[in-house]
Amino acid sequence: MKKVLVATEKPFAKIAADNIKAIFDKAGYTCIFLEKYTDHQQFVDAAKDVDAVIIRSDKANQAVIENAEQLKIIVRAGAGYDNVDLAAATAKNIVVMNTPGQNSNAVAELAFGMMVYQARNQFNGSSGTELKDKTIGIHAYGNVGRNVARIAKGFGMTVKAFDPFVDAEAIRKDGVEVVDSVEALYSSCDYLSLHIPANDKTKKSINYALLSQMPANATLVNTARKEVIDEDDLKKILAERKGFSYVSDIAPDNAAELKESFALQCFFTPKKMGAQTAEANINAGIAAAEQIIAFLEKGDTTFKVN
């Protein structure tokens, strides 16, 4: 009997966990849950004899992978997968997948929640501004970016996007203006919604040279990864421009310093919250379970990322 480990320091919602278990029960798999664990070694130990692993923000690092004697597949329930050691997994012929699109609407809605909160001066009682008639730029037009565009049009915003990996005509069909460079995007937008992954090319790529081109009262919205921001340069921009704002669902390493010095210019959620909705929980969890079964039973590698 195949064995699946669901390792979630931040557990799935009960309805999502119940759905995951039901899917594996129907397939004749054993499904075990490691939830709210406090020591990473617990994850390492639990992975020793399983065929598959589902994680959320948990670290499927080299220690986990090397100790997993039977592991064939890891599925990250969500879009990003930089919490998986892809090199270690590939070296052991372990397939790594994500579940793209399952939490995209949740992330996009959170981005707008933070935008409204910041535009209204963090609800401090003073007069703020409206999103209507403002221009929003979308940096990376994937699943989340498309949802951001859809919602932005409902707010009456002008929408622009830059993504050299997406066909320009497909973007235009969504009623979005395509710009030909990242500099052109940042320099022309009141709001910038960031959706790039964290990799060797993108880490710290959102730097002073780029941010200094944004309009004086611009807001940068980051629901991607903190590593793509050059935090020293971000602090410099916040200090130079009292109207510039930064909001994110993942706090930078210098969050305490930024909040102390620029309290009304920045906002960070207590933890990564883009996918923290009941609907996203259920969608991503079910997708992860179904992808594991499809791979183990049929060899389906549709969402393989390594």
C-alpha atoms as a PDB file:
ATOM      1  CA  MET A   1       0.000   0.000   0.000  1.00  0.00           C
ATOM      2  CA  LYS A   2       1.362   3.414  -1.008  1.00  0.00           C
ATOM      3  CA  LYS A   3       1.946   5.887   1.805  1.00  0.00           C
ATOM      4  CA  VAL A   4       1.554   9.675   1.650  1.00  0.00           C
ATOM      5  CA  LEU A   5       2.777  12.194   4.211  1.00  0.00           C
ATOM      6  CA  VAL A   6       1.037  15.555   4.524  1.00  0.00           C
ATOM      7  CA  ALA A   7       3.616  17.654   6.377  1.00  0.00           C
ATOM      8  CA  THR A   8       2.134  21.024   7.304  1.00  0.00           C
ATOM      9  CA  GLU A   9       3.523  23.160  10.090  1.00  0.00           C
ATOM     10  CA  LYS A  10       0.611  25.457   9.144  1.00  0.00           C
ATOM     11  CA  PRO A  11      -2.150  22.846   8.717  1.00  0.00           C
ATOM     12  CA  PHE A  12      -4.714  22.731   5.973  1.00  0.00           C
ATOM     13  CA  ALA A  13      -8.204  23.755   7.035  1.00  0.00           C
ATOM     14  CA  LYS A  14     -10.122  20.762   8.404  1.00  0.00           C
ATOM     15  CA  ILE A  15     -12.393  20.560   5.363  1.00  0.00           C
ATOM     16  CA  ALA A  16      -9.343  20.518   3.080  1.00  0.00           C
ATOM     17  CA  ALA A  17      -7.581  17.850   5.177  1.00  0.00           C
ATOM     18  CA  ASP A  18     -10.745  15.736   5.171  1.00  0.00           C
ATOM     19  CA  ASN A  19     -10.969  16.004   1.379  1.00  0.00           C
ATOM     20  CA  ILE A  20      -7.317  15.046   0.966  1.00  0.00           C
ATOM     21  CA  LYS A  21      -7.739  11.993   3.184  1.00  0.00           C
ATOM     22  CA  ALA A  22     -10.917  10.947   1.351  1.00  0.00           C
ATOM     23  CA  ILE A  23      -9.124  11.093  -2.014  1.00  0.00           C
ATOM     24  CA  PHE A  24      -6.293   8.885  -0.776  1.00  0.00           C
ATOM     25  CA  ASP A  25      -8.661   6.507   1.037  1.00  0.00           C
ATOM     26  CA  LYS A  26     -10.579   5.999  -2.205  1.00  0.00           C
ATOM     27  CA  ALA A  27      -7.306   5.244  -4.034  1.00  0.00           C
ATOM     28  CA  GLY A  28      -6.306   2.715  -1.372  1.00  0.00           C
ATOM     29  CA  TYR A  29      -3.395   4.816  -0.086  1.00  0.00           C
ATOM     30  CA  THR A  30      -2.373   5.371   3.523  1.00  0.00           C
ATOM     31  CA  CYS A  31      -2.360   9.062   4.376  1.00  0.00           C
ATOM     32  CA  ILE A  32      -0.691  10.412   7.506  1.00  0.00           C
ATOM     33  CA  PHE A  33      -0.707  14.012   8.722  1.00  0.00           C
ATOM     34  CA  LEU A  34       2.180  15.744  10.468  1.00  0.00           C
ATOM     35  CA  GLU A  35       0.684  19.046  11.597  1.00  0.00           C
ATOM     36  CA  LYS A  36       1.914  21.947  13.742  1.00  0.00           C
ATOM     37  CA  TYR A  37       5.281  20.286  14.240  1.00  0.00           C
ATOM     38  CA  THR A  38       7.838  22.325  16.156  1.00  0.00           C
ATOM     39  CA  ASP A  39      11.085  20.635  15.112  1.00  0.00           C
ATOM     40  CA  HIS A  40      12.141  20.119  11.495  1.00  0.00           C
ATOM     41  CA  GLN A  41      13.614  16.749  12.480  1.00  0.00           C
ATOM     42  CA  GLN A  42      10.039  15.532  12.957  1.00  0.00           C
ATOM     43  CA  PHE A  43       9.478  16.120   9.243  1.00  0.00           C
ATOM     44  CA  VAL A  44      12.766  14.416   8.376  1.00  0.00           C
ATOM     45  CA  ASP A  45      11.840  11.347  10.422  1.00  0.00           C
ATOM     46  CA  ALA A  46       8.249  11.152   9.172  1.00  0.00           C
ATOM     47  CA  ALA A  47       9.373  11.158   5.522  1.00  0.00           C
ATOM     48  CA  LYS A  48      11.564   8.067   5.926  1.00  0.00           C
ATOM     49  CA  ASP A  49       9.171   5.437   4.550  1.00  0.00           C
ATOM     50  CA  VAL A  50       6.641   7.372   2.442  1.00  0.00           C
ATOM     51  CA  ASP A  51       6.069   7.323  -1.310  1.00  0.00           C
ATOM     52  CA  ALA A  52       4.805  10.892  -1.570  1.00  0.00           C
ATOM     53  CA  VAL A  53       4.806  14.149   0.371  1.00  0.00           C
ATOM     54  CA  ILE A  54       2.487  17.141   0.325  1.00  0.00           C
ATOM     55  CA  ILE A  55       3.771  20.381   1.837  1.00  0.00           C
ATOM     56  CA  ARG A  56       2.719  24.013   2.084  1.00  0.00           C
ATOM     57  CA  SER A  57       5.441  26.417   3.237  1.00  0.00           C
ATOM     58  CA  ASP A  58       7.397  23.580   4.820  1.00  0.00           C
ATOM     59  CA  LYS A  59      11.068  23.054   3.930  1.00  0.00           C
ATOM     60  CA  ALA A  60      11.573  19.893   1.878  1.00  0.00           C
ATOM     61  CA  ASN A  61      15.332  20.288   2.137  1.00  0.00           C
ATOM     62  CA  GLN A  62      18.247  17.937   1.558  1.00  0.00           C
ATOM     63  CA  ALA A  63      17.867  16.342   4.993  1.00  0.00           C
ATOM     64  CA  VAL A  64      14.255  15.383   4.278  1.00  0.00           C
ATOM     65  CA  ILE A  65      15.028  14.113   0.807  1.00  0.00           C
ATOM     66  CA  GLU A  66      18.102  12.080   1.754  1.00  0.00           C
ATOM     67  CA  ASN A  67      16.269  10.385   4.617  1.00  0.00           C
ATOM     68  CA  ALA A  68      13.235   9.507   2.497  1.00  0.00           C
ATOM     69  CA  GLU A  69      14.127   6.031   1.299  1.00  0.00           C
ATOM     70  CA  GLN A  70      11.009   5.424  -0.811  1.00  0.00           C
ATOM     71  CA  LEU A  71      10.042   8.949  -1.825  1.00  0.00           C
ATOM     72  CA  LYS A  72       8.967   9.371  -5.448  1.00  0.00           C
ATOM     73  CA  ILE A  73       7.137  12.711  -5.510  1.00  0.00           C
ATOM     74  CA  ILE A  74       6.849  15.957  -3.549  1.00  0.00           C
ATOM     75  CA  VAL A  75       3.949  18.294  -4.235  1.00  0.00           C
ATOM     76  CA  ARG A  76       3.995  21.853  -2.965  1.00  0.00           C
ATOM     77  CA  ALA A  77       0.359  22.878  -2.464  1.00  0.00           C
ATOM     78  CA  GLY A  78       0.715  26.334  -3.972  1.00  0.00           C
ATOM     79  CA  ALA A  79       2.511  28.098  -6.783  1.00  0.00           C
ATOM     80  CA  GLY A  80       5.980  28.829  -5.402  1.00  0.00           C
ATOM     81  CA  TYR A  81       8.371  25.961  -4.792  1.00  0.00           C
ATOM     82  CA  ASP A  82      11.571  27.582  -3.568  1.00  0.00           C
ATOM     83  CA  ASN A  83      11.075  25.745  -0.264  1.00  0.00           C
ATOM     84  CA  VAL A  84      12.002  22.494  -2.040  1.00  0.00           C
ATOM     85  CA  ASP A  85      15.626  21.521  -2.712  1.00  0.00           C
ATOM     86  CA  LEU A  86      15.184  20.787  -6.404  1.00  0.00           C
ATOM     87  CA  ALA A  87      18.785  19.696  -6.920  1.00  0.00           C
ATOM     88  CA  ALA A  88      18.608  17.151  -4.114  1.00  0.00           C
ATOM     89  CA  ALA A  89      15.258  15.844  -5.379  1.00  0.00           C
ATOM     90  CA  THR A  90      16.479  15.554  -8.962  1.00  0.00           C
ATOM     91  CA  ALA A  91      19.616  13.719  -7.833  1.00  0.00           C
ATOM     92  CA  LYS A  92      17.382  11.037  -6.289  1.00  0.00           C
ATOM     93  CA  ASN A  93      14.951  10.977  -9.263  1.00  0.00           C
ATOM     94  CA  ILE A  94      12.180  12.448  -7.130  1.00  0.00           C
ATOM     95  CA  VAL A  95       9.579  14.424  -9.046  1.00  0.00           C
ATOM     96  CA  VAL A  96       8.650  17.837  -7.643  1.00  0.00           C
ATOM     97  CA  MET A  97       5.351  19.496  -8.559  1.00  0.00           C
ATOM     98  CA  ASN A  98       3.415  22.596  -7.599  1.00  0.00           C
ATOM     99  CA  THR A  99      -0.315  23.309  -7.939  1.00  0.00           C
ATOM    100  CA  PRO A 100      -0.419  26.437 -10.124  1.00  0.00           C
ATOM    101  CA  GLY A 101      -3.569  28.498 -10.186  1.00  0.00           C
ATOM    102  CA  GLN A 102      -5.260  26.976  -7.159  1.00  0.00           C
ATOM    103  CA  ASN A 103      -4.672  29.930  -4.841  1.00  0.00           C
ATOM    104  CA  SER A 104      -4.349  32.655  -7.476  1.00  0.00           C
ATOM    105  CA  ASN A 105      -7.592  34.449  -6.718  1.00  0.00           C
ATOM    106  CA  ALA A 106      -6.876  34.413  -2.994  1.00  0.00           C
ATOM    107  CA  VAL A 107      -3.479  36.044  -3.541  1.00  0.00           C
ATOM    108  CA  ALA A 108      -4.904  38.638  -5.910  1.00  0.00           C
ATOM    109  CA  GLU A 109      -7.686  39.572  -3.496  1.00  0.00           C
ATOM    110  CA  LEU A 110      -5.171  39.996  -0.679  1.00  0.00           C
ATOM    111  CA  ALA A 111      -3.100  42.305  -2.892  1.00  0.00           C
ATOM    112  CA  PHE A 112      -6.122  44.581  -3.293  1.00  0.00           C
ATOM    113  CA  GLY A 113      -6.968  44.374   0.386  1.00  0.00           C
ATOM    114  CA  MET A 114      -3.506  45.719   1.173  1.00  0.00           C
ATOM    115  CA  MET A 115      -3.772  48.368  -1.541  1.00  0.00           C
ATOM    116  CA  VAL A 116      -7.048  49.716  -0.171  1.00  0.00           C
ATOM    117  CA  TYR A 117      -5.691  49.631   3.391  1.00  0.00           C
ATOM    118  CA  GLN A 118      -2.644  51.652   2.359  1.00  0.00           C
ATOM    119  CA  ALA A 119      -4.561  54.024   0.079  1.00  0.00           C
ATOM    120  CA  ARG A 120      -6.828  54.886   3.027  1.00  0.00           C
ATOM    121  CA  ASN A 121      -3.808  55.648   5.246  1.00  0.00           C
ATOM    122  CA  GLN A 122      -4.153  52.388   7.137  1.00  0.00           C
ATOM    123  CA  PHE A 123      -7.641  53.461   8.259  1.00  0.00           C
ATOM    124  CA  ASN A 124      -6.222  56.056  10.649  1.00  0.00           C
ATOM    125  CA  GLY A 125      -9.102  58.467  10.144  1.00  0.00           C
ATOM    126  CA  SER A 126      -7.424  60.813   7.679  1.00  0.00           C
ATOM    127  CA  SER A 127      -8.391  61.341   4.038  1.00  0.00           C
ATOM    128  CA  GLY A 128      -6.859  58.841   1.672  1.00  0.00           C
ATOM    129  CA  THR A 129      -7.066  58.175  -2.059  1.00  0.00           C
ATOM    130  CA  GLU A 130      -9.057  55.915  -4.368  1.00  0.00           C
ATOM    131  CA  LEU A 131      -7.873  53.173  -6.696  1.00  0.00           C
ATOM    132  CA  LYS A 132     -10.225  54.279  -9.468  1.00  0.00           C
ATOM    133  CA  ASP A 133      -8.431  55.945 -12.407  1.00  0.00           C
ATOM    134  CA  LYS A 134      -5.019  54.929 -11.095  1.00  0.00           C
ATOM    135  CA  THR A 135      -2.620  52.805 -13.160  1.00  0.00           C
ATOM    136  CA  ILE A 136      -1.500  49.423 -11.901  1.00  0.00           C
ATOM    137  CA  GLY A 137       1.447  47.523 -13.318  1.00  0.00           C
ATOM    138  CA  ILE A 138       1.694  43.754 -13.116  1.00  0.00           C
ATOM    139  CA  HIS A 139       5.236  42.389 -13.038  1.00  0.00           C
ATOM    140  CA  ALA A 140       4.863  38.775 -14.251  1.00  0.00           C
ATOM    141  CA  TYR A 141       1.563  37.889 -15.872  1.00  0.00           C
ATOM    142  CA  GLY A 142       0.935  34.382 -14.585  1.00  0.00           C
ATOM    143  CA  ASN A 143      -2.118  32.983 -12.812  1.00  0.00           C
ATOM    144  CA  VAL A 144      -2.029  35.555 -10.027  1.00  0.00           C
ATOM    145  CA  GLY A 145      -1.244  38.405 -12.423  1.00  0.00           C
ATOM    146  CA  ARG A 146      -4.275  37.587 -14.551  1.00  0.00           C
ATOM    147  CA  ASN A 147      -6.517  37.688 -11.483  1.00  0.00           C
ATOM    148  CA  VAL A 148      -4.985  41.000 -10.424  1.00  0.00           C
ATOM    149  CA  ALA A 149      -5.813  42.392 -13.874  1.00  0.00           C
ATOM    150  CA  ARG A 150      -9.397  41.136 -13.664  1.00  0.00           C
ATOM    151  CA  ILE A 151      -9.984  42.710 -10.255  1.00  0.00           C
ATOM    152  CA  ALA A 152      -8.186  45.945 -11.167  1.00  0.00           C
ATOM    153  CA  LYS A 153     -10.545  46.529 -14.067  1.00  0.00           C
ATOM    154  CA  GLY A 154     -13.444  46.211 -11.640  1.00  0.00           C
ATOM    155  CA  PHE A 155     -11.910  49.035  -9.620  1.00  0.00           C
ATOM    156  CA  GLY A 156     -11.725  51.165 -12.763  1.00  0.00           C
ATOM    157  CA  MET A 157      -7.934  51.080 -12.973  1.00  0.00           C
ATOM    158  CA  THR A 158      -5.756  51.201 -16.062  1.00  0.00           C
ATOM    159  CA  VAL A 159      -3.796  47.959 -16.242  1.00  0.00           C
ATOM    160  CA  LYS A 160      -0.323  47.411 -17.674  1.00  0.00           C
ATOM    161  CA  ALA A 161       1.886  44.333 -17.618  1.00  0.00           C
ATOM    162  CA  PHE A 162       5.409  43.183 -18.340  1.00  0.00           C
ATOM    163  CA  ASP A 163       6.221  39.519 -18.830  1.00  0.00           C
ATOM    164  CA  PRO A 164       8.637  38.467 -21.593  1.00  0.00           C
ATOM    165  CA  PHE A 165       7.608  34.828 -21.100  1.00  0.00           C
ATOM    166  CA  VAL A 166       3.921  35.341 -21.911  1.00  0.00           C
ATOM    167  CA  ASP A 167       2.625  35.978 -25.412  1.00  0.00           C
ATOM    168  CA  ALA A 168       1.873  39.689 -25.718  1.00  0.00           C
ATOM    169  CA  GLU A 169      -1.294  39.102 -27.711  1.00  0.00           C
ATOM    170  CA  ALA A 170      -2.686  36.869 -24.942  1.00  0.00           C
ATOM    171  CA  ILE A 171      -2.148  39.707 -22.458  1.00  0.00           C
ATOM    172  CA  ARG A 172      -3.802  42.240 -24.762  1.00  0.00           C
ATOM    173  CA  LYS A 173      -6.847  39.995 -25.124  1.00  0.00           C
ATOM    174  CA  ASP A 174      -7.400  40.519 -21.389  1.00  0.00           C
ATOM    175  CA  GLY A 175      -7.637  44.259 -21.980  1.00  0.00           C
ATOM    176  CA  VAL A 176      -4.174  44.857 -20.548  1.00  0.00           C
ATOM    177  CA  GLU A 177      -1.557  47.142 -22.072  1.00  0.00           C
ATOM    178  CA  VAL A 178       1.768  45.399 -22.730  1.00  0.00           C
ATOM    179  CA  VAL A 179       4.963  47.339 -22.003  1.00  0.00           C
ATOM    180  CA  ASP A 180       8.295  46.299 -23.452  1.00  0.00           C
ATOM    181  CA  SER A 181      10.571  46.700 -20.443  1.00  0.00           C
ATOM    182  CA  VAL A 182      10.490  46.438 -16.682  1.00  0.00           C
ATOM    183  CA  GLU A 183      11.683  50.051 -16.477  1.00  0.00           C
ATOM    184  CA  ALA A 184       8.751  51.237 -18.586  1.00  0.00           C
ATOM    185  CA  LEU A 185       6.377  49.389 -16.260  1.00  0.00           C
ATOM    186  CA  TYR A 186       7.715  50.796 -13.020  1.00  0.00           C
ATOM    187  CA  SER A 187       8.040  54.358 -14.300  1.00  0.00           C
ATOM    188  CA  SER A 188       4.434  54.568 -15.490  1.00  0.00           C
ATOM    189  CA  CYS A 189       2.415  53.002 -12.684  1.00  0.00           C
ATOM    190  CA  ASP A 190       0.880  54.280  -9.450  1.00  0.00           C
ATOM    191  CA  TYR A 191       0.665  50.724  -8.123  1.00  0.00           C
ATOM    192  CA  LEU A 192       3.002  47.870  -8.940  1.00  0.00           C
ATOM    193  CA  SER A 193       1.913  44.304  -8.182  1.00  0.00           C
ATOM    194  CA  LEU A 194       4.898  41.981  -8.015  1.00  0.00           C
ATOM    195  CA  HIS A 195       4.639  38.280  -8.936  1.00  0.00           C
ATOM    196  CA  ILE A 196       8.120  37.171  -9.985  1.00  0.00           C
ATOM    197  CA  PRO A 197       9.699  34.026  -8.488  1.00  0.00           C
ATOM    198  CA  ALA A 198      12.826  34.107  -6.334  1.00  0.00           C
ATOM    199  CA  ASN A 199      15.801  32.712  -8.233  1.00  0.00           C
ATOM    200  CA  ASP A 200      19.393  33.631  -9.004  1.00  0.00           C
ATOM    201  CA  LYS A 201      18.311  36.185 -11.593  1.00  0.00           C
ATOM    202  CA  THR A 202      15.545  37.861  -9.605  1.00  0.00           C
ATOM    203  CA  LYS A 203      16.870  38.028  -6.049  1.00  0.00           C
ATOM    204  CA  LYS A 204      17.357  41.678  -5.046  1.00  0.00           C
ATOM    205  CA  SER A 205      16.391  42.706  -8.582  1.00  0.00           C
ATOM    206  CA  ILE A 206      13.802  45.150  -7.233  1.00  0.00           C
ATOM    207  CA  ASN A 207      16.414  47.700  -6.314  1.00  0.00           C
ATOM    208  CA  TYR A 208      16.987  51.438  -6.025  1.00  0.00           C
ATOM    209  CA  ALA A 209      17.593  51.898  -9.754  1.00  0.00           C
ATOM    210  CA  LEU A 210      14.162  50.456 -10.483  1.00  0.00           C
ATOM    211  CA  LEU A 211      12.197  51.839  -7.541  1.00  0.00           C
ATOM    212  CA  SER A 212      13.533  55.355  -8.052  1.00  0.00           C
ATOM    213  CA  GLN A 213      11.793  55.434 -11.434  1.00  0.00           C
ATOM    214  CA  MET A 214       8.355  54.989  -9.873  1.00  0.00           C
ATOM    215  CA  PRO A 215       6.053  58.003  -9.418  1.00  0.00           C
ATOM    216  CA  ALA A 216       6.475  59.947  -6.173  1.00  0.00           C
ATOM    217  CA  ASN A 217       3.383  58.539  -4.438  1.00  0.00           C
ATOM    218  CA  ALA A 218       3.598  55.012  -5.826  1.00  0.00           C
ATOM    219  CA  THR A 219       2.856  51.816  -3.911  1.00  0.00           C
ATOM    220  CA  LEU A 220       4.772  48.569  -4.404  1.00  0.00           C
ATOM    221  CA  VAL A 221       2.736  45.472  -3.586  1.00  0.00           C
ATOM    222  CA  ASN A 222       4.655  42.248  -3.012  1.00  0.00           C
ATOM    223  CA  THR A 223       2.784  38.952  -2.751  1.00  0.00           C
ATOM    224  CA  ALA A 224       5.702  37.063  -4.281  1.00  0.00           C
ATOM    225  CA  ARG A 225       8.891  36.516  -2.251  1.00  0.00           C
ATOM    226  CA  LYS A 226      10.844  38.805   0.065  1.00  0.00           C
ATOM    227  CA  GLU A 227      14.144  37.780  -1.530  1.00  0.00           C
ATOM    228  CA  VAL A 228      13.382  39.668  -4.752  1.00  0.00           C
ATOM    229  CA  ILE A 229      13.524  42.983  -2.878  1.00  0.00           C
ATOM    230  CA  ASP A 230      16.808  44.721  -2.138  1.00  0.00           C
ATOM    231  CA  GLU A 231      15.873  45.685   1.407  1.00  0.00           C
ATOM    232  CA  ASP A 232      18.597  48.305   1.849  1.00  0.00           C
ATOM    233  CA  ASP A 233      17.443  50.022  -1.330  1.00  0.00           C
ATOM    234  CA  LEU A 234      13.827  49.789  -0.211  1.00  0.00           C
ATOM    235  CA  LYS A 235      14.723  51.572   3.033  1.00  0.00           C
ATOM    236  CA  LYS A 236      16.525  54.255   1.032  1.00  0.00           C
ATOM    237  CA  ILE A 237      13.477  54.896  -1.164  1.00  0.00           C
ATOM    238  CA  LEU A 238      11.123  55.055   1.825  1.00  0.00           C
ATOM    239  CA  ALA A 239      13.422  57.592   3.467  1.00  0.00           C
ATOM    240  CA  GLU A 240      13.726  59.755   0.343  1.00  0.00           C
ATOM    241  CA  ARG A 241      10.054  59.698  -0.640  1.00  0.00           C
ATOM    242  CA  LYS A 242       7.498  60.244   2.105  1.00  0.00           C
ATOM    243  CA  GLY A 243       4.696  59.382  -0.308  1.00  0.00           C
ATOM    244  CA  PHE A 244       6.140  56.019  -1.368  1.00  0.00           C
ATOM    245  CA  SER A 245       4.576  52.884   0.162  1.00  0.00           C
ATOM    246  CA  TYR A 246       5.452  49.220   0.390  1.00  0.00           C
ATOM    247  CA  VAL A 247       2.947  46.526   1.361  1.00  0.00           C
ATOM    248  CA  SER A 248       3.599  42.801   1.446  1.00  0.00           C
ATOM    249  CA  ASP A 249       2.253  39.536   2.793  1.00  0.00           C
ATOM    250  CA  ILE A 250       5.777  38.493   3.694  1.00  0.00           C
ATOM    251  CA  ALA A 251       7.726  40.731   6.014  1.00  0.00           C
ATOM    252  CA  PRO A 252      11.264  41.717   5.010  1.00  0.00           C
ATOM    253  CA  ASP A 253      14.159  40.886   7.296  1.00  0.00           C
ATOM    254  CA  ASN A 254      14.347  44.535   8.326  1.00  0.00           C
ATOM    255  CA  ALA A 255      10.599  44.787   9.021  1.00  0.00           C
ATOM    256  CA  ALA A 256      10.975  46.047  12.586  1.00  0.00           C
ATOM    257  CA  GLU A 257      13.288  48.835  11.468  1.00  0.00           C
ATOM    258  CA  LEU A 258      10.992  49.837   8.602  1.00  0.00           C
ATOM    259  CA  LYS A 259       7.901  49.885  10.795  1.00  0.00           C
ATOM    260  CA  GLU A 260       9.666  52.007  13.386  1.00  0.00           C
ATOM    261  CA  SER A 261      10.896  54.554  10.868  1.00  0.00           C
ATOM    262  CA  PHE A 262       8.160  54.464   8.198  1.00  0.00           C
ATOM    263  CA  ALA A 263       5.040  53.234   9.996  1.00  0.00           C
ATOM    264  CA  LEU A 264       2.541  54.862   7.638  1.00  0.00           C
ATOM    265  CA  GLN A 265       4.490  53.953   4.516  1.00  0.00           C
ATOM    266  CA  CYS A 266       4.591  50.183   4.939  1.00  0.00           C
ATOM    267  CA  PHE A 267       2.430  47.277   6.004  1.00  0.00           C
ATOM    268  CA  PHE A 268       3.232  43.570   6.404  1.00  0.00           C
ATOM    269  CA  THR A 269       0.865  40.753   7.296  1.00  0.00           C
ATOM    270  CA  PRO A 270       1.843  38.682  10.377  1.00  0.00           C
ATOM    271  CA  LYS A 271       2.728  35.722   8.131  1.00  0.00           C
ATOM    272  CA  LYS A 272       2.561  34.723   4.475  1.00  0.00           C
ATOM    273  CA  MET A 273      -1.181  34.986   3.897  1.00  0.00           C
ATOM    274  CA  GLY A 274      -1.766  34.961   0.156  1.00  0.00           C
ATOM    275  CA  ALA A 275      -3.209  31.459   0.155  1.00  0.00           C
ATOM    276  CA  GLN A 276      -4.856  31.717   3.572  1.00  0.00           C
ATOM    277  CA  THR A 277      -8.476  31.259   2.529  1.00  0.00           C
ATOM    278  CA  ALA A 278     -10.738  28.267   2.943  1.00  0.00           C
ATOM    279  CA  GLU A 279     -11.237  28.078  -0.806  1.00  0.00           C
ATOM    280  CA  ALA A 280      -7.532  28.172  -1.650  1.00  0.00           C
ATOM    281  CA  ASN A 281      -6.818  25.614   1.072  1.00  0.00           C
ATOM    282  CA  ILE A 282      -9.316  23.202  -0.405  1.00  0.00           C
ATOM    283  CA  ASN A 283      -8.345  23.792  -4.040  1.00  0.00           C
ATOM    284  CA  ALA A 284      -4.588  23.393  -3.508  1.00  0.00           C
ATOM    285  CA  GLY A 285      -4.937  20.406  -1.203  1.00  0.00           C
ATOM    286  CA  ILE A 286      -7.236  18.510  -3.532  1.00  0.00           C
ATOM    287  CA  ALA A 287      -5.058  19.324  -6.533  1.00  0.00           C
ATOM    288  CA  ALA A 288      -1.951  18.072  -4.720  1.00  0.00           C
ATOM    289  CA  ALA A 289      -3.631  14.794  -3.807  1.00  0.00           C
ATOM    290  CA  GLU A 290      -4.976  14.220  -7.312  1.00  0.00           C
ATOM    291  CA  GLN A 291      -1.581  15.006  -8.882  1.00  0.00           C
ATOM    292  CA  ILE A 292       0.135  12.442  -6.648  1.00  0.00           C
ATOM    293  CA  ILE A 293      -2.311   9.717  -7.639  1.00  0.00           C
ATOM    294  CA  ALA A 294      -2.075  10.643 -11.329  1.00  0.00           C
ATOM    295  CA  PHE A 295       1.711  10.443 -11.155  1.00  0.00           C
ATOM    296  CA  LEU A 296       1.995   7.219  -9.143  1.00  0.00           C
ATOM    297  CA  GLU A 297      -0.713   5.415 -11.117  1.00  0.00           C
ATOM    298  CA  LYS A 298      -0.264   6.847 -14.623  1.00  0.00           C
ATOM    299  CA  GLY A 299       3.123   8.579 -14.665  1.00  0.00           C
ATOM    300  CA  ASP A 300       1.488  11.973 -15.265  1.00  0.00           C
ATOM    301  CA  THR A 301       4.119  14.727 -14.847  1.00  0.00           C
ATOM    302  CA  THR A 302       2.032  17.671 -16.056  1.00  0.00           C
ATOM    303  CA  PHE A 303       3.032  19.992 -13.217  1.00  0.00           C
ATOM    304  CA  LYS A 304       6.613  18.828 -12.744  1.00  0.00           C
ATOM    305  CA  VAL A 305       9.006  21.697 -11.951  1.00  0.00           C
ATOM    306  CA  ASN A 306      12.369  19.882 -11.810  1.00  0.00           C
END
